[in-house]
C-alpha atoms as a PDB file:
ATOM      1  CA  MET A   1      -0.268   0.041   0.305  1.00  0.00           C
ATOM      2  CA  TRP A   2       1.601   3.474  -0.676  1.00  0.00           C
ATOM      3  CA  LYS A   3       1.993   5.958   1.488  1.00  0.00           C
ATOM      4  CA  PRO A   4       3.260   9.241   0.994  1.00  0.00           C
ATOM      5  CA  LEU A   5       6.752   9.919   2.099  1.00  0.00           C
ATOM      6  CA  GLY A   6       7.909  12.223   5.080  1.00  0.00           C
ATOM      7  CA  ARG A   7       9.359  15.213   5.496  1.00  0.00           C
ATOM      8  CA  VAL A   8      12.313  13.079   7.739  1.00  0.00           C
ATOM      9  CA  GLU A   9      12.637  10.898   4.780  1.00  0.00           C
ATOM     10  CA  LEU A  10      12.748  13.306   2.081  1.00  0.00           C
ATOM     11  CA  GLU A  11      15.403  15.420   4.152  1.00  0.00           C
ATOM     12  CA  ASP A  12      17.167  12.414   4.391  1.00  0.00           C
ATOM     13  CA  ILE A  13      17.777  11.720  -0.018  1.00  0.00           C
ATOM     14  CA  ILE A  14      18.364  15.646   0.879  1.00  0.00           C
ATOM     15  CA  GLU A  15      21.059  14.806   2.135  1.00  0.00           C
ATOM     16  CA  GLU A  16      22.220  11.901   1.169  1.00  0.00           C
ATOM     17  CA  ALA A  17      22.531  13.855  -2.579  1.00  0.00           C
ATOM     18  CA  GLU A  18      23.989  17.067  -1.061  1.00  0.00           C
ATOM     19  CA  CYS A  19      27.087  14.457   0.012  1.00  0.00           C
ATOM     20  CA  ALA A  20      27.126  12.623  -3.946  1.00  0.00           C
ATOM     21  CA  MET A  21      27.202  16.779  -5.221  1.00  0.00           C
ATOM     22  CA  GLY A  22      30.668  17.931  -7.098  1.00  0.00           C
ATOM     23  CA  GLN A  23      31.748  21.875  -5.917  1.00  0.00           C
ATOM     24  CA  SER A  24      29.699  23.352  -8.941  1.00  0.00           C
ATOM     25  CA  THR A  25      26.959  21.698  -8.553  1.00  0.00           C
ATOM     26  CA  LYS A  26      26.777  22.010  -5.091  1.00  0.00           C
ATOM     27  CA  LEU A  27      27.087  25.445  -5.493  1.00  0.00           C
ATOM     28  CA  PHE A  28      24.030  25.529  -7.203  1.00  0.00           C
ATOM     29  CA  TRP A  29      22.099  23.689  -5.277  1.00  0.00           C
ATOM     30  CA  ASP A  30      22.555  25.958  -2.927  1.00  0.00           C
ATOM     31  CA  ARG A  31      21.067  28.732  -4.319  1.00  0.00           C
ATOM     32  CA  ILE A  32      18.010  27.228  -5.705  1.00  0.00           C
ATOM     33  CA  LYS A  33      16.953  24.871  -3.172  1.00  0.00           C
ATOM     34  CA  ILE A  34      13.960  25.725  -0.482  1.00  0.00           C
ATOM     35  CA  PRO A  35      13.113  24.392   2.905  1.00  0.00           C
ATOM     36  CA  PRO A  36      10.550  21.604   1.899  1.00  0.00           C
ATOM     37  CA  ALA A  37       6.759  22.223   0.807  1.00  0.00           C
ATOM     38  CA  LYS A  38       3.761  20.462   0.039  1.00  0.00           C
ATOM     39  CA  TRP A  39       2.940  21.852  -3.852  1.00  0.00           C
ATOM     40  CA  GLN A  40      -0.843  20.685  -4.879  1.00  0.00           C
ATOM     41  CA  LEU A  41      -0.977  19.050  -8.243  1.00  0.00           C
ATOM     42  CA  SER A  42      -3.970  17.241  -9.230  1.00  0.00           C
ATOM     43  CA  PRO A  43      -5.677  14.936  -8.915  1.00  0.00           C
ATOM     44  CA  TRP A  44      -2.409  12.870  -8.706  1.00  0.00           C
ATOM     45  CA  GLY A  45      -0.667  14.642  -5.812  1.00  0.00           C
ATOM     46  CA  ASP A  46      -4.625  14.828  -4.331  1.00  0.00           C
ATOM     47  CA  GLU A  47      -3.982  11.430  -1.824  1.00  0.00           C
ATOM     48  CA  GLY A  48      -0.248  12.847  -0.094  1.00  0.00           C
ATOM     49  CA  GLU A  49      -1.415  16.637   0.343  1.00  0.00           C
ATOM     50  CA  GLY A  50       0.321  17.220  -2.661  1.00  0.00           C
ATOM     51  CA  PHE A  51       4.273  16.976  -3.727  1.00  0.00           C
ATOM     52  CA  TRP A  52       7.302  18.185  -1.910  1.00  0.00           C
ATOM     53  CA  VAL A  53       9.225  21.082  -3.272  1.00  0.00           C
ATOM     54  CA  VAL A  54      12.590  21.353  -2.745  1.00  0.00           C
ATOM     55  CA  ALA A  55      14.349  23.964  -5.263  1.00  0.00           C
ATOM     56  CA  LEU A  56      12.785  27.188  -7.437  1.00  0.00           C
ATOM     57  CA  VAL A  57      14.934  28.502 -10.392  1.00  0.00           C
ATOM     58  CA  GLY A  58      12.499  31.105 -12.500  1.00  0.00           C
ATOM     59  CA  SER A  59       9.539  29.348 -13.411  1.00  0.00           C
ATOM     60  CA  HIS A  60      10.355  26.165 -12.237  1.00  0.00           C
ATOM     61  CA  CYS A  61      10.600  24.232  -9.649  1.00  0.00           C
ATOM     62  CA  VAL A  62      12.378  20.828  -8.123  1.00  0.00           C
ATOM     63  CA  TYR A  63       9.761  18.405  -7.246  1.00  0.00           C
ATOM     64  CA  PHE A  64       9.666  14.902  -5.633  1.00  0.00           C
ATOM     65  CA  ASN A  65       7.298  13.114  -7.106  1.00  0.00           C
ATOM     66  CA  ASP A  66       6.509  10.293  -4.175  1.00  0.00           C
ATOM     67  CA  ILE A  67       4.487   7.381  -6.562  1.00  0.00           C
ATOM     68  CA  GLU A  68       6.931   7.120  -8.526  1.00  0.00           C
ATOM     69  CA  GLU A  69       9.776   7.420  -6.070  1.00  0.00           C
ATOM     70  CA  GLY A  70      12.481  10.144  -8.236  1.00  0.00           C
ATOM     71  CA  PHE A  71      12.728  14.092  -8.458  1.00  0.00           C
ATOM     72  CA  ASN A  72      11.247  16.135 -11.436  1.00  0.00           C
ATOM     73  CA  ILE A  73      11.551  19.636 -13.400  1.00  0.00           C
ATOM     74  CA  SER A  74       8.078  21.716 -13.561  1.00  0.00           C
ATOM     75  CA  GLN A  75       7.433  24.907 -14.126  1.00  0.00           C
ATOM     76  CA  TYR A  76       4.753  26.515 -12.507  1.00  0.00           C
ATOM     77  CA  GLU A  77       2.677  29.981 -13.021  1.00  0.00           C
ATOM     78  CA  GLU A  78       1.605  29.795  -9.089  1.00  0.00           C
ATOM     79  CA  PHE A  79       3.213  29.830  -6.791  1.00  0.00           C
ATOM     80  CA  GLY A  80       2.382  26.367  -4.638  1.00  0.00           C
ATOM     81  CA  ARG A  81       0.710  24.456  -7.783  1.00  0.00           C
ATOM     82  CA  ILE A  82       2.797  22.426 -10.306  1.00  0.00           C
ATOM     83  CA  GLN A  83       1.924  22.569 -13.524  1.00  0.00           C
ATOM     84  CA  ASP A  84       2.851  19.542 -14.980  1.00  0.00           C
ATOM     85  CA  TYR A  85       3.016  15.637 -13.916  1.00  0.00           C
ATOM     86  CA  ARG A  86       5.928  14.279 -14.184  1.00  0.00           C
ATOM     87  CA  CYS A  87       7.165  10.491 -13.898  1.00  0.00           C
ATOM     88  CA  ASN A  88      10.489  10.428 -13.597  1.00  0.00           C
ATOM     89  CA  GLN A  89      12.466   8.086 -10.699  1.00  0.00           C
ATOM     90  CA  THR A  90      15.230  10.524 -11.384  1.00  0.00           C
ATOM     91  CA  ASP A  91      17.600  10.894  -7.432  1.00  0.00           C
ATOM     92  CA  LEU A  92      18.139  14.198  -6.430  1.00  0.00           C
ATOM     93  CA  HIS A  93      21.609  14.499  -7.474  1.00  0.00           C
ATOM     94  CA  ASP A  94      21.024  13.465 -11.339  1.00  0.00           C
ATOM     95  CA  CYS A  95      18.362  16.068 -11.522  1.00  0.00           C
ATOM     96  CA  ILE A  96      20.315  19.076 -10.167  1.00  0.00           C
ATOM     97  CA  CYS A  97      23.028  18.731 -12.515  1.00  0.00           C
ATOM     98  CA  GLY A  98      21.054  17.953 -15.655  1.00  0.00           C
ATOM     99  CA  PHE A  99      18.994  20.898 -14.393  1.00  0.00           C
ATOM    100  CA  ARG A 100      22.130  22.766 -13.584  1.00  0.00           C
ATOM    101  CA  ALA A 101      23.216  22.103 -17.485  1.00  0.00           C
ATOM    102  CA  THR A 102      19.876  23.204 -19.578  1.00  0.00           C
ATOM    103  CA  PHE A 103      19.338  26.224 -17.472  1.00  0.00           C
ATOM    104  CA  PHE A 104      22.673  27.493 -18.066  1.00  0.00           C
ATOM    105  CA  LEU A 105      22.448  26.570 -21.708  1.00  0.00           C
ATOM    106  CA  GLN A 106      18.923  28.398 -21.549  1.00  0.00           C
ATOM    107  CA  SER A 107      20.400  31.085 -20.037  1.00  0.00           C
ATOM    108  CA  GLU A 108      23.484  31.836 -22.322  1.00  0.00           C
END
């Protein structure tokens, strides 16, 4: 039976990922991370009262889909509401590395 991920478990996942980050990725992460907060994404996130958002860059958020057990990137138009459901099973380290590469390519 599925059970939503708790804050303590999420913080453990984040701490493990931070230990695996290289210096430049960690600097990027430190600039974009936020205290984990539940954001809405209906109907998928309704049962777990939303998904944990852990980072913001511009109009994008990084969130943990605890149904699929992976980190995802989505746009958002309204603070507190994730725009797009993603079902990647990416760990935080790889998600942030990919996001960092994409972010810097788009900003050039």
